[in-house]
Amino acid sequence: MRAAREVALVVLAATVTGAAIVAVGYGSGYRARWDLCVVAGLAAGICWRLARLAVPPADPLLPGPDREPQDDGRLPLSSLESRLSWGTADADRFRERLRPVLTELAADRLRSRRGVDPHTQPEHARRILGEPLWQLMTGPTERSPSRAELVRMVEALERI
């Protein structure tokens, strides 16, 4: 079946190319020989099919210029790891970069796993989160937490 399809495509390309050669020749006042037009068309059709077979189709799994790569979770995790390591050293960096991520993560886990909205049920959210995470979400941040404090907060987030 595949061979018949290939032959049909080559014959179609040969017919189109041969007809184009005849038309161009006729339009310019030249009478082309039919047998040469058929040979030229067959050569063009065979070259076209061989070129198509030699170049593999594009892999649909690889991102192209018009497709975004799929998020497999590794890039955000490495980014969060970097933020965690810098968050303990610099209070401004913690406040601007790490605190919003941890706050969003805590609120999301409260909503998705416990059905608690921290904005409408603050006391219930506070009991679930514990005081350190609650202060992280709602309180002022004058200093960055120590590495041990961050570890405890992340562990508390994992327990939600």
C-alpha atoms as a PDB file:
ATOM      1  CA  MET A   1       0.000   0.000   0.000  1.00  0.00           C
ATOM      2  CA  ARG A   2       2.823   2.392   0.910  1.00  0.00           C
ATOM      3  CA  ALA A   3       4.704   1.605  -2.319  1.00  0.00           C
ATOM      4  CA  ALA A   4       1.585   2.312  -4.386  1.00  0.00           C
ATOM      5  CA  ARG A   5       1.154   5.618  -2.607  1.00  0.00           C
ATOM      6  CA  GLU A   6       4.785   6.567  -3.281  1.00  0.00           C
ATOM      7  CA  VAL A   7       4.420   5.672  -6.970  1.00  0.00           C
ATOM      8  CA  ALA A   8       1.185   7.666  -7.205  1.00  0.00           C
ATOM      9  CA  LEU A   9       2.877  10.718  -5.642  1.00  0.00           C
ATOM     10  CA  VAL A  10       5.834  10.463  -8.043  1.00  0.00           C
ATOM     11  CA  VAL A  11       3.490  10.136 -11.060  1.00  0.00           C
ATOM     12  CA  LEU A  12       1.464  13.117  -9.833  1.00  0.00           C
ATOM     13  CA  ALA A  13       4.603  15.228  -9.394  1.00  0.00           C
ATOM     14  CA  ALA A  14       5.842  14.106 -12.824  1.00  0.00           C
ATOM     15  CA  THR A  15       2.538  15.061 -14.446  1.00  0.00           C
ATOM     16  CA  VAL A  16       2.458  18.484 -12.829  1.00  0.00           C
ATOM     17  CA  THR A  17       6.106  19.193 -13.643  1.00  0.00           C
ATOM     18  CA  GLY A  18       5.789  17.896 -17.237  1.00  0.00           C
ATOM     19  CA  ALA A  19       2.650  19.987 -17.800  1.00  0.00           C
ATOM     20  CA  ALA A  20       4.418  23.056 -16.394  1.00  0.00           C
ATOM     21  CA  ILE A  21       7.371  22.538 -18.755  1.00  0.00           C
ATOM     22  CA  VAL A  22       5.036  22.201 -21.737  1.00  0.00           C
ATOM     23  CA  ALA A  23       3.054  25.280 -20.681  1.00  0.00           C
ATOM     24  CA  VAL A  24       6.177  27.411 -20.211  1.00  0.00           C
ATOM     25  CA  GLY A  25       7.558  26.193 -23.548  1.00  0.00           C
ATOM     26  CA  TYR A  26       4.276  26.814 -25.336  1.00  0.00           C
ATOM     27  CA  GLY A  27       3.963  30.272 -23.773  1.00  0.00           C
ATOM     28  CA  SER A  28       7.429  31.263 -24.944  1.00  0.00           C
ATOM     29  CA  GLY A  29       6.881  29.920 -28.488  1.00  0.00           C
ATOM     30  CA  TYR A  30       8.974  26.762 -28.038  1.00  0.00           C
ATOM     31  CA  ARG A  31       7.536  23.355 -28.856  1.00  0.00           C
ATOM     32  CA  ALA A  32       8.907  20.984 -26.207  1.00  0.00           C
ATOM     33  CA  ARG A  33       9.084  17.266 -26.914  1.00  0.00           C
ATOM     34  CA  TRP A  34       6.571  15.315 -24.852  1.00  0.00           C
ATOM     35  CA  ASP A  35       8.967  12.508 -24.020  1.00  0.00           C
ATOM     36  CA  LEU A  36      11.540  14.958 -22.624  1.00  0.00           C
ATOM     37  CA  CYS A  37       8.845  16.659 -20.561  1.00  0.00           C
ATOM     38  CA  VAL A  38       7.793  13.290 -19.105  1.00  0.00           C
ATOM     39  CA  VAL A  39      11.413  12.382 -18.262  1.00  0.00           C
ATOM     40  CA  ALA A  40      12.013  15.798 -16.690  1.00  0.00           C
ATOM     41  CA  GLY A  41       8.779  15.450 -14.706  1.00  0.00           C
ATOM     42  CA  LEU A  42       9.716  11.954 -13.491  1.00  0.00           C
ATOM     43  CA  ALA A  43      13.171  13.172 -12.485  1.00  0.00           C
ATOM     44  CA  ALA A  44      11.650  16.088 -10.576  1.00  0.00           C
ATOM     45  CA  GLY A  45       9.079  13.819  -8.889  1.00  0.00           C
ATOM     46  CA  ILE A  46      11.681  11.238  -7.854  1.00  0.00           C
ATOM     47  CA  CYS A  47      14.023  13.944  -6.507  1.00  0.00           C
ATOM     48  CA  TRP A  48      11.159  15.509  -4.574  1.00  0.00           C
ATOM     49  CA  ARG A  49      10.201  12.187  -2.937  1.00  0.00           C
ATOM     50  CA  LEU A  50      13.813  11.279  -2.149  1.00  0.00           C
ATOM     51  CA  ALA A  51      14.356  14.662  -0.532  1.00  0.00           C
ATOM     52  CA  ARG A  52      11.201  14.187   1.553  1.00  0.00           C
ATOM     53  CA  LEU A  53      12.391  10.755   2.669  1.00  0.00           C
ATOM     54  CA  ALA A  54      15.901  11.977   3.494  1.00  0.00           C
ATOM     55  CA  VAL A  55      14.732  14.788   5.786  1.00  0.00           C
ATOM     56  CA  PRO A  56      12.879  13.409   8.818  1.00  0.00           C
ATOM     57  CA  PRO A  57       9.772  15.242   9.990  1.00  0.00           C
ATOM     58  CA  ALA A  58      10.138  17.628  12.901  1.00  0.00           C
ATOM     59  CA  ASP A  59       9.823  16.038  16.338  1.00  0.00           C
ATOM     60  CA  PRO A  60       6.545  17.268  17.833  1.00  0.00           C
ATOM     61  CA  LEU A  61       7.873  16.782  21.384  1.00  0.00           C
ATOM     62  CA  LEU A  62      10.679  19.293  21.002  1.00  0.00           C
ATOM     63  CA  PRO A  63       9.682  22.909  21.547  1.00  0.00           C
ATOM     64  CA  GLY A  64       9.866  25.076  18.471  1.00  0.00           C
ATOM     65  CA  PRO A  65       9.919  28.840  18.197  1.00  0.00           C
ATOM     66  CA  ASP A  66       6.114  28.941  18.376  1.00  0.00           C
ATOM     67  CA  ARG A  67       5.774  26.467  21.286  1.00  0.00           C
ATOM     68  CA  GLU A  68       6.740  26.930  24.892  1.00  0.00           C
ATOM     69  CA  PRO A  69       8.603  24.093  26.597  1.00  0.00           C
ATOM     70  CA  GLN A  70       6.447  22.144  28.995  1.00  0.00           C
ATOM     71  CA  ASP A  71       7.005  22.758  32.647  1.00  0.00           C
ATOM     72  CA  ASP A  72       8.236  19.591  34.295  1.00  0.00           C
ATOM     73  CA  GLY A  73       8.713  21.213  37.707  1.00  0.00           C
ATOM     74  CA  ARG A  74      12.505  21.223  37.708  1.00  0.00           C
ATOM     75  CA  LEU A  75      13.018  24.870  36.790  1.00  0.00           C
ATOM     76  CA  PRO A  76      10.665  26.278  39.441  1.00  0.00           C
ATOM     77  CA  LEU A  77      12.139  23.932  42.053  1.00  0.00           C
ATOM     78  CA  SER A  78      15.696  25.058  41.313  1.00  0.00           C
ATOM     79  CA  SER A  79      14.519  28.660  41.359  1.00  0.00           C
ATOM     80  CA  LEU A  80      12.842  28.127  44.732  1.00  0.00           C
ATOM     81  CA  GLU A  81      15.963  26.433  46.055  1.00  0.00           C
ATOM     82  CA  SER A  82      18.023  29.439  45.038  1.00  0.00           C
ATOM     83  CA  ARG A  83      15.522  31.805  46.640  1.00  0.00           C
ATOM     84  CA  LEU A  84      15.594  29.795  49.858  1.00  0.00           C
ATOM     85  CA  SER A  85      19.367  29.925  50.051  1.00  0.00           C
ATOM     86  CA  TRP A  86      19.494  33.688  49.428  1.00  0.00           C
ATOM     87  CA  GLY A  87      16.470  34.384  51.625  1.00  0.00           C
ATOM     88  CA  THR A  88      18.331  33.669  54.825  1.00  0.00           C
ATOM     89  CA  ALA A  89      21.145  36.072  53.965  1.00  0.00           C
ATOM     90  CA  ASP A  90      19.276  39.201  52.909  1.00  0.00           C
ATOM     91  CA  ALA A  91      16.068  40.556  54.487  1.00  0.00           C
ATOM     92  CA  ASP A  92      15.145  42.600  51.413  1.00  0.00           C
ATOM     93  CA  ARG A  93      15.572  39.630  49.104  1.00  0.00           C
ATOM     94  CA  PHE A  94      13.513  37.487  51.472  1.00  0.00           C
ATOM     95  CA  ARG A  95      10.737  40.087  51.628  1.00  0.00           C
ATOM     96  CA  GLU A  96      10.632  40.681  47.855  1.00  0.00           C
ATOM     97  CA  ARG A  97      11.251  37.226  46.430  1.00  0.00           C
ATOM     98  CA  LEU A  98      10.807  34.409  48.901  1.00  0.00           C
ATOM     99  CA  ARG A  99       8.010  35.568  51.177  1.00  0.00           C
ATOM    100  CA  PRO A 100       5.462  36.002  48.324  1.00  0.00           C
ATOM    101  CA  VAL A 101       6.198  32.475  47.051  1.00  0.00           C
ATOM    102  CA  LEU A 102       5.869  30.887  50.488  1.00  0.00           C
ATOM    103  CA  THR A 103       2.738  32.905  51.252  1.00  0.00           C
ATOM    104  CA  GLU A 104       1.100  31.882  47.983  1.00  0.00           C
ATOM    105  CA  LEU A 105       2.077  28.271  48.525  1.00  0.00           C
ATOM    106  CA  ALA A 106       0.631  28.257  52.044  1.00  0.00           C
ATOM    107  CA  ALA A 107      -2.645  29.856  50.908  1.00  0.00           C
ATOM    108  CA  ASP A 108      -2.930  27.434  48.000  1.00  0.00           C
ATOM    109  CA  ARG A 109      -2.324  24.396  50.199  1.00  0.00           C
ATOM    110  CA  LEU A 110      -4.875  25.643  52.752  1.00  0.00           C
ATOM    111  CA  ARG A 111      -7.502  26.042  50.018  1.00  0.00           C
ATOM    112  CA  SER A 112      -6.800  22.855  48.087  1.00  0.00           C
ATOM    113  CA  ARG A 113      -6.096  20.430  50.946  1.00  0.00           C
ATOM    114  CA  ARG A 114      -8.137  21.780  53.839  1.00  0.00           C
ATOM    115  CA  GLY A 115     -10.825  23.875  52.151  1.00  0.00           C
ATOM    116  CA  VAL A 116      -9.830  26.917  54.218  1.00  0.00           C
ATOM    117  CA  ASP A 117      -9.557  30.413  52.789  1.00  0.00           C
ATOM    118  CA  PRO A 118      -7.102  32.419  54.908  1.00  0.00           C
ATOM    119  CA  HIS A 119      -8.862  35.691  54.040  1.00  0.00           C
ATOM    120  CA  THR A 120     -12.343  34.628  55.119  1.00  0.00           C
ATOM    121  CA  GLN A 121     -11.351  32.151  57.871  1.00  0.00           C
ATOM    122  CA  PRO A 122      -8.212  33.667  59.410  1.00  0.00           C
ATOM    123  CA  GLU A 123      -8.476  31.996  62.841  1.00  0.00           C
ATOM    124  CA  HIS A 124      -8.948  28.535  61.342  1.00  0.00           C
ATOM    125  CA  ALA A 125      -6.042  29.131  58.929  1.00  0.00           C
ATOM    126  CA  ARG A 126      -3.871  30.338  61.821  1.00  0.00           C
ATOM    127  CA  ARG A 127      -4.510  27.139  63.817  1.00  0.00           C
ATOM    128  CA  ILE A 128      -3.612  24.962  60.803  1.00  0.00           C
ATOM    129  CA  LEU A 129      -0.520  26.934  59.783  1.00  0.00           C
ATOM    130  CA  GLY A 130       0.951  27.520  63.209  1.00  0.00           C
ATOM    131  CA  GLU A 131       2.313  30.808  64.470  1.00  0.00           C
ATOM    132  CA  PRO A 132       5.567  31.013  62.407  1.00  0.00           C
ATOM    133  CA  LEU A 133       3.803  30.485  59.062  1.00  0.00           C
ATOM    134  CA  TRP A 134       0.923  32.741  60.067  1.00  0.00           C
ATOM    135  CA  GLN A 135       3.352  35.526  60.944  1.00  0.00           C
ATOM    136  CA  LEU A 136       5.123  34.937  57.637  1.00  0.00           C
ATOM    137  CA  MET A 137       1.836  35.446  55.793  1.00  0.00           C
ATOM    138  CA  THR A 138       0.460  38.359  57.783  1.00  0.00           C
ATOM    139  CA  GLY A 139       3.116  39.977  59.926  1.00  0.00           C
ATOM    140  CA  PRO A 140       5.837  42.485  59.099  1.00  0.00           C
ATOM    141  CA  THR A 141       9.252  41.215  58.112  1.00  0.00           C
ATOM    142  CA  GLU A 142      12.035  43.177  59.714  1.00  0.00           C
ATOM    143  CA  ARG A 143      14.587  40.394  59.350  1.00  0.00           C
ATOM    144  CA  SER A 144      15.102  37.324  57.275  1.00  0.00           C
ATOM    145  CA  PRO A 145      14.547  34.008  59.053  1.00  0.00           C
ATOM    146  CA  SER A 146      17.448  31.742  59.860  1.00  0.00           C
ATOM    147  CA  ARG A 147      18.035  28.588  57.861  1.00  0.00           C
ATOM    148  CA  ALA A 148      16.582  26.494  60.712  1.00  0.00           C
ATOM    149  CA  GLU A 149      13.449  28.679  60.828  1.00  0.00           C
ATOM    150  CA  LEU A 150      13.003  28.318  57.064  1.00  0.00           C
ATOM    151  CA  VAL A 151      13.387  24.540  57.345  1.00  0.00           C
ATOM    152  CA  ARG A 152      10.665  24.445  60.013  1.00  0.00           C
ATOM    153  CA  MET A 153       8.371  26.620  57.871  1.00  0.00           C
ATOM    154  CA  VAL A 154       8.833  24.405  54.815  1.00  0.00           C
ATOM    155  CA  GLU A 155       8.199  21.310  56.938  1.00  0.00           C
ATOM    156  CA  ALA A 156       5.009  22.936  58.275  1.00  0.00           C
ATOM    157  CA  LEU A 157       3.939  23.667  54.699  1.00  0.00           C
ATOM    158  CA  GLU A 158       4.509  20.042  53.760  1.00  0.00           C
ATOM    159  CA  ARG A 159       2.327  18.873  56.664  1.00  0.00           C
ATOM    160  CA  ILE A 160      -0.685  20.907  55.504  1.00  0.00           C
END
